[in-house]
Amino acid sequence: MTTPGRNEPQTLADAHAVASARRPKPGSNLATWLKFHKENARMYQAVSDVDRAHHHELKYWVGYEERKANEVAAQIQKEKSQAS
């Protein structure tokens, strides 16, 4: 079980604010988006252990961010295979 540090989000609302603030600009490269989604998944997971009132909703966001990360990773692989 990982818990957020003192300066990290402690609630679902905090986590959404952090995710929104660090969202890459449109047109950012795929590696940037992959990092964004992976970091969000880790953050939502950590907050789900603290904000028990929103545990299930946070678990939804963990899954969402993991799915998005997997989609971006697949796109990166597709582009690599097309380049060779």
PDB file of N, CA and C in Angstrom:
ATOM      1  N   MET A   1       0.852  -1.167   0.000  1.00  0.00           N
ATOM      2  CA  MET A   1       0.000   0.000   0.000  1.00  0.00           C
ATOM      3  C   MET A   1       0.904   1.238   0.000  1.00  0.00           C
ATOM      4  N   THR A   2       0.682   2.103  -1.012  1.00  0.00           N
ATOM      5  CA  THR A   2       1.442   3.345  -1.060  1.00  0.00           C
ATOM      6  C   THR A   2       0.535   4.487  -0.636  1.00  0.00           C
ATOM      7  N   THR A   3       1.087   5.412   0.117  1.00  0.00           N
ATOM      8  CA  THR A   3       0.298   6.566   0.528  1.00  0.00           C
ATOM      9  C   THR A   3       0.996   7.817   0.031  1.00  0.00           C
ATOM     10  N   PRO A   4       0.205   8.834  -0.306  1.00  0.00           N
ATOM     11  CA  PRO A   4       0.802  10.058  -0.816  1.00  0.00           C
ATOM     12  C   PRO A   4       1.627  10.763   0.264  1.00  0.00           C
ATOM     13  N   GLY A   5       2.655  11.472  -0.167  1.00  0.00           N
ATOM     14  CA  GLY A   5       3.454  12.277   0.752  1.00  0.00           C
ATOM     15  C   GLY A   5       2.693  13.514   1.185  1.00  0.00           C
ATOM     16  N   ARG A   6       3.305  14.268   2.061  1.00  0.00           N
ATOM     17  CA  ARG A   6       2.640  15.441   2.623  1.00  0.00           C
ATOM     18  C   ARG A   6       2.208  16.461   1.575  1.00  0.00           C
ATOM     19  N   ASN A   7       3.015  16.658   0.546  1.00  0.00           N
ATOM     20  CA  ASN A   7       2.698  17.667  -0.462  1.00  0.00           C
ATOM     21  C   ASN A   7       2.007  17.081  -1.679  1.00  0.00           C
ATOM     22  N   GLU A   8       1.524  15.873  -1.560  1.00  0.00           N
ATOM     23  CA  GLU A   8       0.831  15.217  -2.656  1.00  0.00           C
ATOM     24  C   GLU A   8      -0.674  15.205  -2.368  1.00  0.00           C
ATOM     25  N   PRO A   9      -1.484  14.995  -3.411  1.00  0.00           N
ATOM     26  CA  PRO A   9      -2.941  15.017  -3.218  1.00  0.00           C
ATOM     27  C   PRO A   9      -3.412  13.990  -2.188  1.00  0.00           C
ATOM     28  N   GLN A  10      -4.411  14.381  -1.426  1.00  0.00           N
ATOM     29  CA  GLN A  10      -4.958  13.515  -0.386  1.00  0.00           C
ATOM     30  C   GLN A  10      -6.417  13.123  -0.658  1.00  0.00           C
ATOM     31  N   THR A  11      -7.038  13.791  -1.625  1.00  0.00           N
ATOM     32  CA  THR A  11      -8.444  13.525  -1.932  1.00  0.00           C
ATOM     33  C   THR A  11      -8.631  13.389  -3.442  1.00  0.00           C
ATOM     34  N   LEU A  12      -9.784  12.867  -3.826  1.00  0.00           N
ATOM     35  CA  LEU A  12     -10.130  12.754  -5.240  1.00  0.00           C
ATOM     36  C   LEU A  12     -10.079  14.122  -5.907  1.00  0.00           C
ATOM     37  N   ALA A  13     -10.646  15.121  -5.259  1.00  0.00           N
ATOM     38  CA  ALA A  13     -10.651  16.476  -5.834  1.00  0.00           C
ATOM     39  C   ALA A  13      -9.226  16.999  -6.013  1.00  0.00           C
ATOM     40  N   ASP A  14      -8.374  16.763  -5.016  1.00  0.00           N
ATOM     41  CA  ASP A  14      -6.964  17.162  -5.134  1.00  0.00           C
ATOM     42  C   ASP A  14      -6.313  16.470  -6.325  1.00  0.00           C
ATOM     43  N   ALA A  15      -6.558  15.184  -6.452  1.00  0.00           N
ATOM     44  CA  ALA A  15      -5.943  14.406  -7.530  1.00  0.00           C
ATOM     45  C   ALA A  15      -6.398  14.917  -8.895  1.00  0.00           C
ATOM     46  N   HIS A  16      -7.683  15.211  -9.042  1.00  0.00           N
ATOM     47  CA  HIS A  16      -8.179  15.759 -10.305  1.00  0.00           C
ATOM     48  C   HIS A  16      -7.508  17.099 -10.605  1.00  0.00           C
ATOM     49  N   ALA A  17      -7.327  17.926  -9.578  1.00  0.00           N
ATOM     50  CA  ALA A  17      -6.686  19.233  -9.774  1.00  0.00           C
ATOM     51  C   ALA A  17      -5.247  19.057 -10.244  1.00  0.00           C
ATOM     52  N   VAL A  18      -4.530  18.116  -9.637  1.00  0.00           N
ATOM     53  CA  VAL A  18      -3.133  17.858 -10.034  1.00  0.00           C
ATOM     54  C   VAL A  18      -3.095  17.344 -11.475  1.00  0.00           C
ATOM     55  N   ALA A  19      -3.956  16.392 -11.801  1.00  0.00           N
ATOM     56  CA  ALA A  19      -3.982  15.832 -13.158  1.00  0.00           C
ATOM     57  C   ALA A  19      -4.284  16.918 -14.185  1.00  0.00           C
ATOM     58  N   SER A  20      -5.226  17.771 -13.861  1.00  0.00           N
ATOM     59  CA  SER A  20      -5.594  18.850 -14.771  1.00  0.00           C
ATOM     60  C   SER A  20      -4.447  19.839 -14.957  1.00  0.00           C
ATOM     61  N   ALA A  21      -3.767  20.163 -13.880  1.00  0.00           N
ATOM     62  CA  ALA A  21      -2.675  21.144 -13.936  1.00  0.00           C
ATOM     63  C   ALA A  21      -1.478  20.626 -14.722  1.00  0.00           C
ATOM     64  N   ARG A  22      -1.232  19.334 -14.689  1.00  0.00           N
ATOM     65  CA  ARG A  22      -0.051  18.810 -15.375  1.00  0.00           C
ATOM     66  C   ARG A  22      -0.363  18.199 -16.741  1.00  0.00           C
ATOM     67  N   ARG A  23      -1.603  18.349 -17.180  1.00  0.00           N
ATOM     68  CA  ARG A  23      -1.996  17.805 -18.485  1.00  0.00           C
ATOM     69  C   ARG A  23      -1.139  18.412 -19.594  1.00  0.00           C
ATOM     70  N   PRO A  24      -0.576  17.556 -20.457  1.00  0.00           N
ATOM     71  CA  PRO A  24       0.250  18.083 -21.549  1.00  0.00           C
ATOM     72  C   PRO A  24      -0.572  18.932 -22.522  1.00  0.00           C
ATOM     73  N   LYS A  25       0.128  19.804 -23.214  1.00  0.00           N
ATOM     74  CA  LYS A  25      -0.534  20.639 -24.219  1.00  0.00           C
ATOM     75  C   LYS A  25      -0.966  19.762 -25.389  1.00  0.00           C
ATOM     76  N   PRO A  26      -2.067  20.136 -26.043  1.00  0.00           N
ATOM     77  CA  PRO A  26      -2.467  19.393 -27.244  1.00  0.00           C
ATOM     78  C   PRO A  26      -1.293  19.357 -28.232  1.00  0.00           C
ATOM     79  N   GLY A  27      -1.104  18.244 -28.880  1.00  0.00           N
ATOM     80  CA  GLY A  27      -0.015  18.108 -29.827  1.00  0.00           C
ATOM     81  C   GLY A  27       1.295  17.649 -29.202  1.00  0.00           C
ATOM     82  N   SER A  28       1.307  17.453 -27.875  1.00  0.00           N
ATOM     83  CA  SER A  28       2.516  16.942 -27.224  1.00  0.00           C
ATOM     84  C   SER A  28       2.822  15.547 -27.769  1.00  0.00           C
ATOM     85  N   ASN A  29       4.092  15.163 -27.705  1.00  0.00           N
ATOM     86  CA  ASN A  29       4.459  13.860 -28.261  1.00  0.00           C
ATOM     87  C   ASN A  29       3.892  12.721 -27.400  1.00  0.00           C
ATOM     88  N   LEU A  30       3.869  11.546 -28.006  1.00  0.00           N
ATOM     89  CA  LEU A  30       3.250  10.391 -27.341  1.00  0.00           C
ATOM     90  C   LEU A  30       3.972   9.994 -26.062  1.00  0.00           C
ATOM     91  N   ALA A  31       5.290  10.151 -26.017  1.00  0.00           N
ATOM     92  CA  ALA A  31       6.033   9.811 -24.797  1.00  0.00           C
ATOM     93  C   ALA A  31       5.582  10.683 -23.629  1.00  0.00           C
ATOM     94  N   THR A  32       5.302  11.945 -23.913  1.00  0.00           N
ATOM     95  CA  THR A  32       4.818  12.867 -22.874  1.00  0.00           C
ATOM     96  C   THR A  32       3.453  12.415 -22.361  1.00  0.00           C
ATOM     97  N   TRP A  33       2.575  12.020 -23.284  1.00  0.00           N
ATOM     98  CA  TRP A  33       1.245  11.550 -22.886  1.00  0.00           C
ATOM     99  C   TRP A  33       1.327  10.235 -22.106  1.00  0.00           C
ATOM    100  N   LEU A  34       2.241   9.359 -22.520  1.00  0.00           N
ATOM    101  CA  LEU A  34       2.405   8.088 -21.813  1.00  0.00           C
ATOM    102  C   LEU A  34       2.837   8.347 -20.372  1.00  0.00           C
ATOM    103  N   LYS A  35       3.809   9.202 -20.198  1.00  0.00           N
ATOM    104  CA  LYS A  35       4.278   9.545 -18.850  1.00  0.00           C
ATOM    105  C   LYS A  35       3.137  10.157 -18.026  1.00  0.00           C
ATOM    106  N   PHE A  36       2.365  11.047 -18.617  1.00  0.00           N
ATOM    107  CA  PHE A  36       1.227  11.693 -17.949  1.00  0.00           C
ATOM    108  C   PHE A  36       0.239  10.643 -17.426  1.00  0.00           C
ATOM    109  N   HIS A  37      -0.157   9.715 -18.287  1.00  0.00           N
ATOM    110  CA  HIS A  37      -1.151   8.718 -17.881  1.00  0.00           C
ATOM    111  C   HIS A  37      -0.596   7.758 -16.824  1.00  0.00           C
ATOM    112  N   LYS A  38       0.673   7.365 -16.964  1.00  0.00           N
ATOM    113  CA  LYS A  38       1.266   6.478 -15.961  1.00  0.00           C
ATOM    114  C   LYS A  38       1.364   7.172 -14.601  1.00  0.00           C
ATOM    115  N   GLU A  39       1.780   8.435 -14.597  1.00  0.00           N
ATOM    116  CA  GLU A  39       1.870   9.182 -13.335  1.00  0.00           C
ATOM    117  C   GLU A  39       0.492   9.354 -12.704  1.00  0.00           C
ATOM    118  N   ASN A  40      -0.516   9.623 -13.531  1.00  0.00           N
ATOM    119  CA  ASN A  40      -1.872   9.761 -13.003  1.00  0.00           C
ATOM    120  C   ASN A  40      -2.347   8.452 -12.381  1.00  0.00           C
ATOM    121  N   ALA A  41      -2.084   7.337 -13.036  1.00  0.00           N
ATOM    122  CA  ALA A  41      -2.510   6.043 -12.489  1.00  0.00           C
ATOM    123  C   ALA A  41      -1.880   5.817 -11.121  1.00  0.00           C
ATOM    124  N   ARG A  42      -0.586   6.099 -11.010  1.00  0.00           N
ATOM    125  CA  ARG A  42       0.097   5.932  -9.712  1.00  0.00           C
ATOM    126  C   ARG A  42      -0.488   6.881  -8.664  1.00  0.00           C
ATOM    127  N   MET A  43      -0.761   8.114  -9.067  1.00  0.00           N
ATOM    128  CA  MET A  43      -1.291   9.099  -8.129  1.00  0.00           C
ATOM    129  C   MET A  43      -2.682   8.673  -7.635  1.00  0.00           C
ATOM    130  N   TYR A  44      -3.571   8.309  -8.564  1.00  0.00           N
ATOM    131  CA  TYR A  44      -4.917   7.896  -8.161  1.00  0.00           C
ATOM    132  C   TYR A  44      -4.858   6.653  -7.266  1.00  0.00           C
ATOM    133  N   GLN A  45      -3.932   5.746  -7.554  1.00  0.00           N
ATOM    134  CA  GLN A  45      -3.780   4.557  -6.711  1.00  0.00           C
ATOM    135  C   GLN A  45      -3.390   4.960  -5.290  1.00  0.00           C
ATOM    136  N   ALA A  46      -2.417   5.839  -5.163  1.00  0.00           N
ATOM    137  CA  ALA A  46      -1.968   6.275  -3.841  1.00  0.00           C
ATOM    138  C   ALA A  46      -3.092   6.978  -3.088  1.00  0.00           C
ATOM    139  N   VAL A  47      -3.836   7.827  -3.773  1.00  0.00           N
ATOM    140  CA  VAL A  47      -4.920   8.572  -3.115  1.00  0.00           C
ATOM    141  C   VAL A  47      -6.054   7.629  -2.722  1.00  0.00           C
ATOM    142  N   SER A  48      -6.255   6.556  -3.486  1.00  0.00           N
ATOM    143  CA  SER A  48      -7.349   5.611  -3.159  1.00  0.00           C
ATOM    144  C   SER A  48      -7.135   4.952  -1.808  1.00  0.00           C
ATOM    145  N   ASP A  49      -5.880   4.886  -1.368  1.00  0.00           N
ATOM    146  CA  ASP A  49      -5.584   4.302  -0.058  1.00  0.00           C
ATOM    147  C   ASP A  49      -5.834   5.283   1.084  1.00  0.00           C
ATOM    148  N   VAL A  50      -5.995   6.560   0.756  1.00  0.00           N
ATOM    149  CA  VAL A  50      -6.166   7.603   1.771  1.00  0.00           C
ATOM    150  C   VAL A  50      -7.609   8.112   1.811  1.00  0.00           C
ATOM    151  N   ASP A  51      -8.155   8.442   0.636  1.00  0.00           N
ATOM    152  CA  ASP A  51      -9.511   8.994   0.540  1.00  0.00           C
ATOM    153  C   ASP A  51     -10.495   7.836   0.406  1.00  0.00           C
ATOM    154  N   ARG A  52     -10.760   7.198   1.526  1.00  0.00           N
ATOM    155  CA  ARG A  52     -11.588   5.989   1.512  1.00  0.00           C
ATOM    156  C   ARG A  52     -13.032   6.267   1.080  1.00  0.00           C
ATOM    157  N   ALA A  53     -13.501   7.486   1.285  1.00  0.00           N
ATOM    158  CA  ALA A  53     -14.874   7.818   0.877  1.00  0.00           C
ATOM    159  C   ALA A  53     -15.023   7.772  -0.645  1.00  0.00           C
ATOM    160  N   HIS A  54     -13.922   7.952  -1.353  1.00  0.00           N
ATOM    161  CA  HIS A  54     -13.960   7.939  -2.817  1.00  0.00           C
ATOM    162  C   HIS A  54     -13.128   6.789  -3.394  1.00  0.00           C
ATOM    163  N   HIS A  55     -12.892   5.778  -2.576  1.00  0.00           N
ATOM    164  CA  HIS A  55     -12.021   4.663  -2.974  1.00  0.00           C
ATOM    165  C   HIS A  55     -12.428   4.054  -4.320  1.00  0.00           C
ATOM    166  N   HIS A  56     -13.697   3.742  -4.493  1.00  0.00           N
ATOM    167  CA  HIS A  56     -14.137   3.062  -5.715  1.00  0.00           C
ATOM    168  C   HIS A  56     -14.041   3.980  -6.927  1.00  0.00           C
ATOM    169  N   GLU A  57     -14.357   5.235  -6.750  1.00  0.00           N
ATOM    170  CA  GLU A  57     -14.230   6.182  -7.857  1.00  0.00           C
ATOM    171  C   GLU A  57     -12.752   6.365  -8.232  1.00  0.00           C
ATOM    172  N   LEU A  58     -11.898   6.418  -7.228  1.00  0.00           N
ATOM    173  CA  LEU A  58     -10.455   6.522  -7.495  1.00  0.00           C
ATOM    174  C   LEU A  58      -9.955   5.279  -8.221  1.00  0.00           C
ATOM    175  N   LYS A  59     -10.454   4.101  -7.844  1.00  0.00           N
ATOM    176  CA  LYS A  59     -10.063   2.878  -8.538  1.00  0.00           C
ATOM    177  C   LYS A  59     -10.499   2.929 -10.003  1.00  0.00           C
ATOM    178  N   TYR A  60     -11.664   3.525 -10.272  1.00  0.00           N
ATOM    179  CA  TYR A  60     -12.084   3.729 -11.663  1.00  0.00           C
ATOM    180  C   TYR A  60     -11.027   4.548 -12.403  1.00  0.00           C
ATOM    181  N   TRP A  61     -10.580   5.640 -11.783  1.00  0.00           N
ATOM    182  CA  TRP A  61      -9.596   6.515 -12.433  1.00  0.00           C
ATOM    183  C   TRP A  61      -8.257   5.818 -12.615  1.00  0.00           C
ATOM    184  N   VAL A  62      -7.879   4.942 -11.687  1.00  0.00           N
ATOM    185  CA  VAL A  62      -6.652   4.150 -11.867  1.00  0.00           C
ATOM    186  C   VAL A  62      -6.791   3.331 -13.153  1.00  0.00           C
ATOM    187  N   GLY A  63      -7.895   2.630 -13.281  1.00  0.00           N
ATOM    188  CA  GLY A  63      -8.127   1.808 -14.470  1.00  0.00           C
ATOM    189  C   GLY A  63      -8.181   2.626 -15.746  1.00  0.00           C
ATOM    190  N   TYR A  64      -8.852   3.768 -15.681  1.00  0.00           N
ATOM    191  CA  TYR A  64      -8.949   4.651 -16.850  1.00  0.00           C
ATOM    192  C   TYR A  64      -7.561   5.082 -17.308  1.00  0.00           C
ATOM    193  N   GLU A  65      -6.750   5.561 -16.376  1.00  0.00           N
ATOM    194  CA  GLU A  65      -5.410   6.041 -16.727  1.00  0.00           C
ATOM    195  C   GLU A  65      -4.530   4.901 -17.219  1.00  0.00           C
ATOM    196  N   GLU A  66      -4.667   3.715 -16.641  1.00  0.00           N
ATOM    197  CA  GLU A  66      -3.905   2.565 -17.119  1.00  0.00           C
ATOM    198  C   GLU A  66      -4.311   2.194 -18.539  1.00  0.00           C
ATOM    199  N   ARG A  67      -5.611   2.238 -18.827  1.00  0.00           N
ATOM    200  CA  ARG A  67      -6.083   1.949 -20.194  1.00  0.00           C
ATOM    201  C   ARG A  67      -5.541   2.981 -21.178  1.00  0.00           C
ATOM    202  N   LYS A  68      -5.589   4.256 -20.801  1.00  0.00           N
ATOM    203  CA  LYS A  68      -5.072   5.308 -21.675  1.00  0.00           C
ATOM    204  C   LYS A  68      -3.574   5.120 -21.902  1.00  0.00           C
ATOM    205  N   ALA A  69      -2.830   4.779 -20.860  1.00  0.00           N
ATOM    206  CA  ALA A  69      -1.390   4.542 -20.995  1.00  0.00           C
ATOM    207  C   ALA A  69      -1.137   3.383 -21.957  1.00  0.00           C
ATOM    208  N   ASN A  70      -1.915   2.324 -21.840  1.00  0.00           N
ATOM    209  CA  ASN A  70      -1.763   1.177 -22.733  1.00  0.00           C
ATOM    210  C   ASN A  70      -2.072   1.546 -24.181  1.00  0.00           C
ATOM    211  N   GLU A  71      -3.093   2.385 -24.387  1.00  0.00           N
ATOM    212  CA  GLU A  71      -3.434   2.833 -25.742  1.00  0.00           C
ATOM    213  C   GLU A  71      -2.285   3.651 -26.343  1.00  0.00           C
ATOM    214  N   VAL A  72      -1.717   4.545 -25.553  1.00  0.00           N
ATOM    215  CA  VAL A  72      -0.610   5.371 -26.039  1.00  0.00           C
ATOM    216  C   VAL A  72       0.613   4.499 -26.312  1.00  0.00           C
ATOM    217  N   ALA A  73       0.898   3.560 -25.419  1.00  0.00           N
ATOM    218  CA  ALA A  73       2.037   2.658 -25.614  1.00  0.00           C
ATOM    219  C   ALA A  73       1.858   1.854 -26.902  1.00  0.00           C
ATOM    220  N   ALA A  74       0.655   1.398 -27.174  1.00  0.00           N
ATOM    221  CA  ALA A  74       0.379   0.655 -28.407  1.00  0.00           C
ATOM    222  C   ALA A  74       0.578   1.551 -29.624  1.00  0.00           C
ATOM    223  N   GLN A  75       0.178   2.792 -29.524  1.00  0.00           N
ATOM    224  CA  GLN A  75       0.366   3.736 -30.631  1.00  0.00           C
ATOM    225  C   GLN A  75       1.857   3.979 -30.891  1.00  0.00           C
ATOM    226  N   ILE A  76       2.632   4.098 -29.806  1.00  0.00           N
ATOM    227  CA  ILE A  76       4.085   4.274 -29.943  1.00  0.00           C
ATOM    228  C   ILE A  76       4.677   3.058 -30.652  1.00  0.00           C
ATOM    229  N   GLN A  77       4.282   1.865 -30.234  1.00  0.00           N
ATOM    230  CA  GLN A  77       4.787   0.635 -30.862  1.00  0.00           C
ATOM    231  C   GLN A  77       4.400   0.572 -32.339  1.00  0.00           C
ATOM    232  N   LYS A  78       3.174   0.957 -32.642  1.00  0.00           N
ATOM    233  CA  LYS A  78       2.689   0.944 -34.019  1.00  0.00           C
ATOM    234  C   LYS A  78       3.540   1.872 -34.884  1.00  0.00           C
ATOM    235  N   GLU A  79       3.812   3.067 -34.354  1.00  0.00           N
ATOM    236  CA  GLU A  79       4.610   4.032 -35.121  1.00  0.00           C
ATOM    237  C   GLU A  79       6.041   3.536 -35.292  1.00  0.00           C
ATOM    238  N   LYS A  80       6.596   2.872 -34.264  1.00  0.00           N
ATOM    239  CA  LYS A  80       7.952   2.320 -34.385  1.00  0.00           C
ATOM    240  C   LYS A  80       8.011   1.247 -35.445  1.00  0.00           C
ATOM    241  N   SER A  81       6.994   0.375 -35.469  1.00  0.00           N
ATOM    242  CA  SER A  81       7.014  -0.718 -36.437  1.00  0.00           C
ATOM    243  C   SER A  81       6.788  -0.202 -37.865  1.00  0.00           C
ATOM    244  N   GLN A  82       6.052   0.887 -38.018  1.00  0.00           N
ATOM    245  CA  GLN A  82       5.834   1.462 -39.348  1.00  0.00           C
ATOM    246  C   GLN A  82       7.084   2.192 -39.842  1.00  0.00           C
ATOM    247  N   ALA A  83       7.895   2.680 -38.914  1.00  0.00           N
ATOM    248  CA  ALA A  83       9.101   3.429 -39.287  1.00  0.00           C
ATOM    249  C   ALA A  83      10.220   2.497 -39.756  1.00  0.00           C
ATOM    250  N   SER A  84      10.154   1.223 -39.355  1.00  0.00           N
ATOM    251  CA  SER A  84      11.246   0.328 -39.731  1.00  0.00           C
ATOM    252  C   SER A  84      11.016  -0.351 -41.056  1.00  0.00           C
TER     253      SER A  84
END
